[in-house]
């Protein structure tokens, strides 16, 4: 990196330093907000996936029970026809 020649600068060093500090503080604050949003969204995604898996399991159990009930109903109707 080249050394800075203060004679080339139009603004005083004090103003530049303050500007760079403010700039750094702004992007750091922005980064922390985005990081927190990212963490919250990741947690939300995890919760939704867990919920979907739970409901998927319940649906599969209900579907199996419905198949069993249909099979049992079919057997009972066949038995009733034989009598």
PDB file of N, CA and C in Angstrom:
ATOM      1  N   UNK A   1       0.849  -1.178   0.000  1.00  0.00           N
ATOM      2  CA  UNK A   1       0.000   0.000   0.000  1.00  0.00           C
ATOM      3  C   UNK A   1       0.893   1.239   0.000  1.00  0.00           C
ATOM      4  N   UNK A   2       0.527   2.167  -0.823  1.00  0.00           N
ATOM      5  CA  UNK A   2       1.329   3.392  -0.895  1.00  0.00           C
ATOM      6  C   UNK A   2       1.065   4.266   0.321  1.00  0.00           C
ATOM      7  N   UNK A   3       2.085   5.007   0.720  1.00  0.00           N
ATOM      8  CA  UNK A   3       1.880   5.919   1.841  1.00  0.00           C
ATOM      9  C   UNK A   3       1.069   7.111   1.357  1.00  0.00           C
ATOM     10  N   UNK A   4       0.297   7.656   2.249  1.00  0.00           N
ATOM     11  CA  UNK A   4      -0.616   8.748   1.916  1.00  0.00           C
ATOM     12  C   UNK A   4       0.106  10.084   2.022  1.00  0.00           C
ATOM     13  N   UNK A   5       0.053  10.820   0.963  1.00  0.00           N
ATOM     14  CA  UNK A   5       0.664  12.147   0.962  1.00  0.00           C
ATOM     15  C   UNK A   5      -0.427  13.141   1.348  1.00  0.00           C
ATOM     16  N   UNK A   6      -0.316  13.718   2.535  1.00  0.00           N
ATOM     17  CA  UNK A   6      -1.358  14.614   3.037  1.00  0.00           C
ATOM     18  C   UNK A   6      -1.490  15.874   2.211  1.00  0.00           C
ATOM     19  N   UNK A   7      -0.504  16.201   1.423  1.00  0.00           N
ATOM     20  CA  UNK A   7      -0.578  17.400   0.581  1.00  0.00           C
ATOM     21  C   UNK A   7      -1.587  17.206  -0.547  1.00  0.00           C
ATOM     22  N   UNK A   8      -1.843  15.931  -0.937  1.00  0.00           N
ATOM     23  CA  UNK A   8      -2.797  15.661  -2.007  1.00  0.00           C
ATOM     24  C   UNK A   8      -4.241  15.697  -1.519  1.00  0.00           C
ATOM     25  N   UNK A   9      -4.446  15.589  -0.238  1.00  0.00           N
ATOM     26  CA  UNK A   9      -5.802  15.541   0.304  1.00  0.00           C
ATOM     27  C   UNK A   9      -6.419  16.932   0.339  1.00  0.00           C
ATOM     28  N   UNK A  10      -7.690  16.996   0.004  1.00  0.00           N
ATOM     29  CA  UNK A  10      -8.393  18.272   0.049  1.00  0.00           C
ATOM     30  C   UNK A  10      -9.091  18.476   1.392  1.00  0.00           C
ATOM     31  N   UNK A  11      -9.440  17.360   2.046  1.00  0.00           N
ATOM     32  CA  UNK A  11     -10.125  17.443   3.334  1.00  0.00           C
ATOM     33  C   UNK A  11      -9.128  17.259   4.469  1.00  0.00           C
ATOM     34  N   UNK A  12      -9.413  17.871   5.618  1.00  0.00           N
ATOM     35  CA  UNK A  12      -8.525  17.675   6.766  1.00  0.00           C
ATOM     36  C   UNK A  12      -8.568  16.219   7.247  1.00  0.00           C
ATOM     37  N   UNK A  13      -7.462  15.757   7.753  1.00  0.00           N
ATOM     38  CA  UNK A  13      -7.352  14.375   8.236  1.00  0.00           C
ATOM     39  C   UNK A  13      -8.409  14.084   9.295  1.00  0.00           C
ATOM     40  N   UNK A  14      -8.650  15.020  10.200  1.00  0.00           N
ATOM     41  CA  UNK A  14      -9.625  14.820  11.274  1.00  0.00           C
ATOM     42  C   UNK A  14     -11.010  14.511  10.686  1.00  0.00           C
ATOM     43  N   UNK A  15     -11.405  15.241   9.650  1.00  0.00           N
ATOM     44  CA  UNK A  15     -12.712  14.999   9.018  1.00  0.00           C
ATOM     45  C   UNK A  15     -12.744  13.629   8.345  1.00  0.00           C
ATOM     46  N   UNK A  16     -11.664  13.278   7.688  1.00  0.00           N
ATOM     47  CA  UNK A  16     -11.611  11.974   7.019  1.00  0.00           C
ATOM     48  C   UNK A  16     -11.698  10.835   8.023  1.00  0.00           C
ATOM     49  N   UNK A  17     -10.967  10.971   9.126  1.00  0.00           N
ATOM     50  CA  UNK A  17     -10.992   9.933  10.156  1.00  0.00           C
ATOM     51  C   UNK A  17     -12.402   9.783  10.716  1.00  0.00           C
ATOM     52  N   UNK A  18     -13.074  10.896  11.004  1.00  0.00           N
ATOM     53  CA  UNK A  18     -14.447  10.842  11.509  1.00  0.00           C
ATOM     54  C   UNK A  18     -15.373  10.184  10.495  1.00  0.00           C
ATOM     55  N   UNK A  19     -15.196  10.551   9.216  1.00  0.00           N
ATOM     56  CA  UNK A  19     -16.021   9.962   8.164  1.00  0.00           C
ATOM     57  C   UNK A  19     -15.829   8.450   8.103  1.00  0.00           C
ATOM     58  N   UNK A  20     -14.579   8.008   8.137  1.00  0.00           N
ATOM     59  CA  UNK A  20     -14.308   6.572   8.053  1.00  0.00           C
ATOM     60  C   UNK A  20     -14.825   5.823   9.286  1.00  0.00           C
ATOM     61  N   UNK A  21     -14.743   6.441  10.442  1.00  0.00           N
ATOM     62  CA  UNK A  21     -15.282   5.823  11.654  1.00  0.00           C
ATOM     63  C   UNK A  21     -16.799   5.673  11.543  1.00  0.00           C
ATOM     64  N   UNK A  22     -17.462   6.748  11.100  1.00  0.00           N
ATOM     65  CA  UNK A  22     -18.921   6.677  10.931  1.00  0.00           C
ATOM     66  C   UNK A  22     -19.296   5.606   9.904  1.00  0.00           C
ATOM     67  N   UNK A  23     -18.567   5.582   8.811  1.00  0.00           N
ATOM     68  CA  UNK A  23     -18.830   4.603   7.763  1.00  0.00           C
ATOM     69  C   UNK A  23     -18.680   3.180   8.294  1.00  0.00           C
ATOM     70  N   UNK A  24     -17.591   2.955   9.027  1.00  0.00           N
ATOM     71  CA  UNK A  24     -17.365   1.637   9.616  1.00  0.00           C
ATOM     72  C   UNK A  24     -18.473   1.270  10.581  1.00  0.00           C
ATOM     73  N   UNK A  25     -18.877   2.208  11.425  1.00  0.00           N
ATOM     74  CA  UNK A  25     -19.930   1.942  12.400  1.00  0.00           C
ATOM     75  C   UNK A  25     -21.256   1.622  11.715  1.00  0.00           C
ATOM     76  N   UNK A  26     -21.534   2.297  10.610  1.00  0.00           N
ATOM     77  CA  UNK A  26     -22.783   2.041   9.880  1.00  0.00           C
ATOM     78  C   UNK A  26     -22.811   0.639   9.282  1.00  0.00           C
ATOM     79  N   UNK A  27     -21.707   0.251   8.618  1.00  0.00           N
ATOM     80  CA  UNK A  27     -21.745  -1.072   8.017  1.00  0.00           C
ATOM     81  C   UNK A  27     -21.705  -2.175   9.065  1.00  0.00           C
ATOM     82  N   UNK A  28     -21.060  -1.903  10.204  1.00  0.00           N
ATOM     83  CA  UNK A  28     -21.083  -2.892  11.285  1.00  0.00           C
ATOM     84  C   UNK A  28     -22.492  -3.054  11.838  1.00  0.00           C
ATOM     85  N   UNK A  29     -23.175  -1.939  12.047  1.00  0.00           N
ATOM     86  CA  UNK A  29     -24.555  -2.001  12.551  1.00  0.00           C
ATOM     87  C   UNK A  29     -25.443  -2.738  11.555  1.00  0.00           C
ATOM     88  N   UNK A  30     -25.268  -2.427  10.283  1.00  0.00           N
ATOM     89  CA  UNK A  30     -26.049  -3.082   9.236  1.00  0.00           C
ATOM     90  C   UNK A  30     -25.763  -4.586   9.226  1.00  0.00           C
ATOM     91  N   UNK A  31     -24.506  -4.944   9.377  1.00  0.00           N
ATOM     92  CA  UNK A  31     -24.120  -6.353   9.412  1.00  0.00           C
ATOM     93  C   UNK A  31     -24.782  -7.073  10.588  1.00  0.00           C
ATOM     94  N   UNK A  32     -24.766  -6.470  11.771  1.00  0.00           N
ATOM     95  CA  UNK A  32     -25.350  -7.119  12.940  1.00  0.00           C
ATOM     96  C   UNK A  32     -26.857  -7.296  12.786  1.00  0.00           C
ATOM     97  N   UNK A  33     -27.526  -6.326  12.192  1.00  0.00           N
ATOM     98  CA  UNK A  33     -28.970  -6.457  11.943  1.00  0.00           C
ATOM     99  C   UNK A  33     -29.216  -7.622  10.993  1.00  0.00           C
ATOM    100  N   UNK A  34     -28.462  -7.681   9.902  1.00  0.00           N
ATOM    101  CA  UNK A  34     -28.621  -8.761   8.918  1.00  0.00           C
ATOM    102  C   UNK A  34     -28.282 -10.116   9.533  1.00  0.00           C
ATOM    103  N   UNK A  35     -27.257 -10.146  10.372  1.00  0.00           N
ATOM    104  CA  UNK A  35     -26.893 -11.414  11.016  1.00  0.00           C
ATOM    105  C   UNK A  35     -28.026 -11.899  11.911  1.00  0.00           C
ATOM    106  N   UNK A  36     -28.599 -10.981  12.693  1.00  0.00           N
ATOM    107  CA  UNK A  36     -29.708 -11.350  13.568  1.00  0.00           C
ATOM    108  C   UNK A  36     -30.912 -11.823  12.762  1.00  0.00           C
ATOM    109  N   UNK A  37     -31.208 -11.139  11.645  1.00  0.00           N
ATOM    110  CA  UNK A  37     -32.307 -11.568  10.780  1.00  0.00           C
ATOM    111  C   UNK A  37     -32.035 -12.964  10.226  1.00  0.00           C
ATOM    112  N   UNK A  38     -30.807 -13.207   9.852  1.00  0.00           N
ATOM    113  CA  UNK A  38     -30.427 -14.505   9.305  1.00  0.00           C
ATOM    114  C   UNK A  38     -30.625 -15.608  10.344  1.00  0.00           C
ATOM    115  N   UNK A  39     -30.234 -15.346  11.568  1.00  0.00           N
ATOM    116  CA  UNK A  39     -30.400 -16.328  12.642  1.00  0.00           C
ATOM    117  C   UNK A  39     -31.877 -16.607  12.875  1.00  0.00           C
ATOM    118  N   UNK A  40     -32.694 -15.539  12.924  1.00  0.00           N
ATOM    119  CA  UNK A  40     -34.128 -15.716  13.128  1.00  0.00           C
ATOM    120  C   UNK A  40     -34.759 -16.514  11.995  1.00  0.00           C
ATOM    121  N   UNK A  41     -34.368 -16.209  10.766  1.00  0.00           N
ATOM    122  CA  UNK A  41     -34.917 -16.935   9.623  1.00  0.00           C
ATOM    123  C   UNK A  41     -34.495 -18.399   9.627  1.00  0.00           C
ATOM    124  N   UNK A  42     -33.260 -18.666  10.006  1.00  0.00           N
ATOM    125  CA  UNK A  42     -32.796 -20.054  10.086  1.00  0.00           C
ATOM    126  C   UNK A  42     -33.591 -20.819  11.138  1.00  0.00           C
ATOM    127  N   UNK A  43     -33.869 -20.182  12.267  1.00  0.00           N
ATOM    128  CA  UNK A  43     -34.678 -20.824  13.313  1.00  0.00           C
ATOM    129  C   UNK A  43     -36.094 -21.080  12.812  1.00  0.00           C
ATOM    130  N   UNK A  44     -36.638 -20.103  12.081  1.00  0.00           N
ATOM    131  CA  UNK A  44     -37.992 -20.257  11.553  1.00  0.00           C
ATOM    132  C   UNK A  44     -38.057 -21.414  10.558  1.00  0.00           C
ATOM    133  N   UNK A  45     -37.058 -21.516   9.694  1.00  0.00           N
ATOM    134  CA  UNK A  45     -37.006 -22.608   8.719  1.00  0.00           C
ATOM    135  C   UNK A  45     -36.946 -23.954   9.440  1.00  0.00           C
ATOM    136  N   UNK A  46     -36.111 -24.026  10.455  1.00  0.00           N
ATOM    137  CA  UNK A  46     -35.986 -25.268  11.224  1.00  0.00           C
ATOM    138  C   UNK A  46     -37.317 -25.643  11.876  1.00  0.00           C
ATOM    139  N   UNK A  47     -38.016 -24.658  12.442  1.00  0.00           N
ATOM    140  CA  UNK A  47     -39.297 -24.919  13.087  1.00  0.00           C
ATOM    141  C   UNK A  47     -40.342 -25.369  12.068  1.00  0.00           C
ATOM    142  N   UNK A  48     -40.340 -24.757  10.903  1.00  0.00           N
ATOM    143  CA  UNK A  48     -41.304 -25.131   9.863  1.00  0.00           C
ATOM    144  C   UNK A  48     -41.034 -26.549   9.371  1.00  0.00           C
ATOM    145  N   UNK A  49     -39.765 -26.881   9.183  1.00  0.00           N
ATOM    146  CA  UNK A  49     -39.431 -28.236   8.738  1.00  0.00           C
ATOM    147  C   UNK A  49     -39.867 -29.270   9.777  1.00  0.00           C
ATOM    148  N   UNK A  50     -39.651 -28.961  11.037  1.00  0.00           N
ATOM    149  CA  UNK A  50     -40.052 -29.873  12.109  1.00  0.00           C
ATOM    150  C   UNK A  50     -41.568 -30.030  12.121  1.00  0.00           C
ATOM    151  N   UNK A  51     -42.282 -28.922  11.962  1.00  0.00           N
ATOM    152  CA  UNK A  51     -43.741 -28.958  11.940  1.00  0.00           C
ATOM    153  C   UNK A  51     -44.252 -29.772  10.754  1.00  0.00           C
ATOM    154  N   UNK A  52     -43.662 -29.556   9.583  1.00  0.00           N
ATOM    155  CA  UNK A  52     -44.075 -30.305   8.392  1.00  0.00           C
ATOM    156  C   UNK A  52     -43.865 -31.794   8.581  1.00  0.00           C
ATOM    157  N   UNK A  53     -42.729 -32.157   9.148  1.00  0.00           N
ATOM    158  CA  UNK A  53     -42.454 -33.571   9.389  1.00  0.00           C
ATOM    159  C   UNK A  53     -43.488 -34.162  10.352  1.00  0.00           C
ATOM    160  N   UNK A  54     -43.829 -33.415  11.391  1.00  0.00           N
ATOM    161  CA  UNK A  54     -44.832 -33.868  12.362  1.00  0.00           C
ATOM    162  C   UNK A  54     -46.173 -34.095  11.670  1.00  0.00           C
ATOM    163  N   UNK A  55     -46.616 -33.124  10.869  1.00  0.00           N
ATOM    164  CA  UNK A  55     -47.912 -33.252  10.194  1.00  0.00           C
ATOM    165  C   UNK A  55     -47.879 -34.335   9.129  1.00  0.00           C
ATOM    166  N   UNK A  56     -46.720 -34.520   8.491  1.00  0.00           N
ATOM    167  CA  UNK A  56     -46.585 -35.581   7.490  1.00  0.00           C
ATOM    168  C   UNK A  56     -46.763 -36.944   8.161  1.00  0.00           C
ATOM    169  N   UNK A  57     -46.152 -37.115   9.334  1.00  0.00           N
ATOM    170  CA  UNK A  57     -46.296 -38.377  10.066  1.00  0.00           C
ATOM    171  C   UNK A  57     -47.750 -38.610  10.476  1.00  0.00           C
ATOM    172  N   UNK A  58     -48.410 -37.552  10.956  1.00  0.00           N
ATOM    173  CA  UNK A  58     -49.820 -37.694  11.321  1.00  0.00           C
ATOM    174  C   UNK A  58     -50.671 -38.066  10.115  1.00  0.00           C
ATOM    175  N   UNK A  59     -50.392 -37.470   8.978  1.00  0.00           N
ATOM    176  CA  UNK A  59     -51.148 -37.772   7.762  1.00  0.00           C
ATOM    177  C   UNK A  59     -50.920 -39.219   7.325  1.00  0.00           C
ATOM    178  N   UNK A  60     -49.697 -39.697   7.427  1.00  0.00           N
ATOM    179  CA  UNK A  60     -49.400 -41.078   7.050  1.00  0.00           C
ATOM    180  C   UNK A  60     -50.123 -42.059   7.961  1.00  0.00           C
ATOM    181  N   UNK A  61     -50.145 -41.775   9.261  1.00  0.00           N
ATOM    182  CA  UNK A  61     -50.854 -42.639  10.208  1.00  0.00           C
ATOM    183  C   UNK A  61     -52.347 -42.638   9.891  1.00  0.00           C
ATOM    184  N   UNK A  62     -52.904 -41.464   9.627  1.00  0.00           N
ATOM    185  CA  UNK A  62     -54.328 -41.363   9.300  1.00  0.00           C
ATOM    186  C   UNK A  62     -54.631 -42.105   8.001  1.00  0.00           C
ATOM    187  N   UNK A  63     -53.743 -42.027   7.030  1.00  0.00           N
ATOM    188  CA  UNK A  63     -53.938 -42.714   5.764  1.00  0.00           C
ATOM    189  C   UNK A  63     -53.911 -44.230   5.963  1.00  0.00           C
ATOM    190  N   UNK A  64     -53.012 -44.712   6.805  1.00  0.00           N
ATOM    191  CA  UNK A  64     -52.949 -46.147   7.097  1.00  0.00           C
ATOM    192  C   UNK A  64     -54.223 -46.610   7.800  1.00  0.00           C
ATOM    193  N   UNK A  65     -54.711 -45.810   8.747  1.00  0.00           N
ATOM    194  CA  UNK A  65     -55.947 -46.160   9.448  1.00  0.00           C
ATOM    195  C   UNK A  65     -57.130 -46.184   8.475  1.00  0.00           C
ATOM    196  N   UNK A  66     -57.154 -45.241   7.552  1.00  0.00           N
ATOM    197  CA  UNK A  66     -58.232 -45.205   6.568  1.00  0.00           C
ATOM    198  C   UNK A  66     -58.181 -46.437   5.672  1.00  0.00           C
ATOM    199  N   UNK A  67     -56.987 -46.852   5.252  1.00  0.00           N
ATOM    200  CA  UNK A  67     -56.851 -48.060   4.428  1.00  0.00           C
ATOM    201  C   UNK A  67     -57.318 -49.293   5.196  1.00  0.00           C
ATOM    202  N   UNK A  68     -56.935 -49.360   6.480  1.00  0.00           N
ATOM    203  CA  UNK A  68     -57.350 -50.494   7.301  1.00  0.00           C
ATOM    204  C   UNK A  68     -58.865 -50.514   7.455  1.00  0.00           C
ATOM    205  N   UNK A  69     -59.459 -49.354   7.699  1.00  0.00           N
ATOM    206  CA  UNK A  69     -60.902 -49.282   7.866  1.00  0.00           C
ATOM    207  C   UNK A  69     -61.617 -49.653   6.565  1.00  0.00           C
ATOM    208  N   UNK A  70     -61.085 -49.220   5.433  1.00  0.00           N
ATOM    209  CA  UNK A  70     -61.678 -49.568   4.142  1.00  0.00           C
ATOM    210  C   UNK A  70     -61.586 -51.063   3.892  1.00  0.00           C
ATOM    211  N   UNK A  71     -60.445 -51.650   4.202  1.00  0.00           N
ATOM    212  CA  UNK A  71     -60.271 -53.098   4.033  1.00  0.00           C
ATOM    213  C   UNK A  71     -61.227 -53.857   4.953  1.00  0.00           C
ATOM    214  N   UNK A  72     -61.341 -53.399   6.181  1.00  0.00           N
ATOM    215  CA  UNK A  72     -62.247 -54.056   7.137  1.00  0.00           C
ATOM    216  C   UNK A  72     -63.695 -53.936   6.670  1.00  0.00           C
ATOM    217  N   UNK A  73     -64.072 -52.775   6.168  1.00  0.00           N
ATOM    218  CA  UNK A  73     -65.424 -52.569   5.657  1.00  0.00           C
ATOM    219  C   UNK A  73     -65.690 -53.483   4.467  1.00  0.00           C
ATOM    220  N   UNK A  74     -64.714 -53.624   3.593  1.00  0.00           N
ATOM    221  CA  UNK A  74     -64.856 -54.491   2.430  1.00  0.00           C
ATOM    222  C   UNK A  74     -65.044 -55.942   2.875  1.00  0.00           C
ATOM    223  N   UNK A  75     -64.256 -56.373   3.862  1.00  0.00           N
ATOM    224  CA  UNK A  75     -64.379 -57.744   4.386  1.00  0.00           C
ATOM    225  C   UNK A  75     -65.757 -57.971   5.004  1.00  0.00           C
ATOM    226  N   UNK A  76     -66.229 -57.002   5.766  1.00  0.00           N
ATOM    227  CA  UNK A  76     -67.540 -57.146   6.401  1.00  0.00           C
ATOM    228  C   UNK A  76     -68.651 -57.209   5.357  1.00  0.00           C
ATOM    229  N   UNK A  77     -68.541 -56.423   4.302  1.00  0.00           N
ATOM    230  CA  UNK A  77     -69.555 -56.472   3.234  1.00  0.00           C
ATOM    231  C   UNK A  77     -69.542 -57.824   2.524  1.00  0.00           C
ATOM    232  N   UNK A  78     -68.334 -58.356   2.293  1.00  0.00           N
ATOM    233  CA  UNK A  78     -68.236 -59.679   1.670  1.00  0.00           C
ATOM    234  C   UNK A  78     -68.852 -60.748   2.567  1.00  0.00           C
ATOM    235  N   UNK A  79     -68.575 -60.647   3.845  1.00  0.00           N
ATOM    236  CA  UNK A  79     -69.118 -61.602   4.807  1.00  0.00           C
ATOM    237  C   UNK A  79     -70.642 -61.496   4.864  1.00  0.00           C
ATOM    238  N   UNK A  80     -71.156 -60.272   4.779  1.00  0.00           N
ATOM    239  CA  UNK A  80     -72.596 -60.029   4.802  1.00  0.00           C
ATOM    240  C   UNK A  80     -73.249 -60.599   3.548  1.00  0.00           C
ATOM    241  N   UNK A  81     -72.598 -60.506   2.413  1.00  0.00           N
ATOM    242  CA  UNK A  81     -73.141 -61.046   1.151  1.00  0.00           C
ATOM    243  C   UNK A  81     -73.202 -62.557   1.208  1.00  0.00           C
ATOM    244  N   UNK A  82     -72.246 -63.196   1.896  1.00  0.00           N
ATOM    245  CA  UNK A  82     -72.217 -64.651   1.986  1.00  0.00           C
ATOM    246  C   UNK A  82     -73.360 -65.175   2.837  1.00  0.00           C
ATOM    247  N   UNK A  83     -73.825 -64.409   3.778  1.00  0.00           N
ATOM    248  CA  UNK A  83     -74.909 -64.864   4.677  1.00  0.00           C
ATOM    249  C   UNK A  83     -76.190 -64.665   4.008  1.00  0.00           C
TER     250      UNK A  83
END
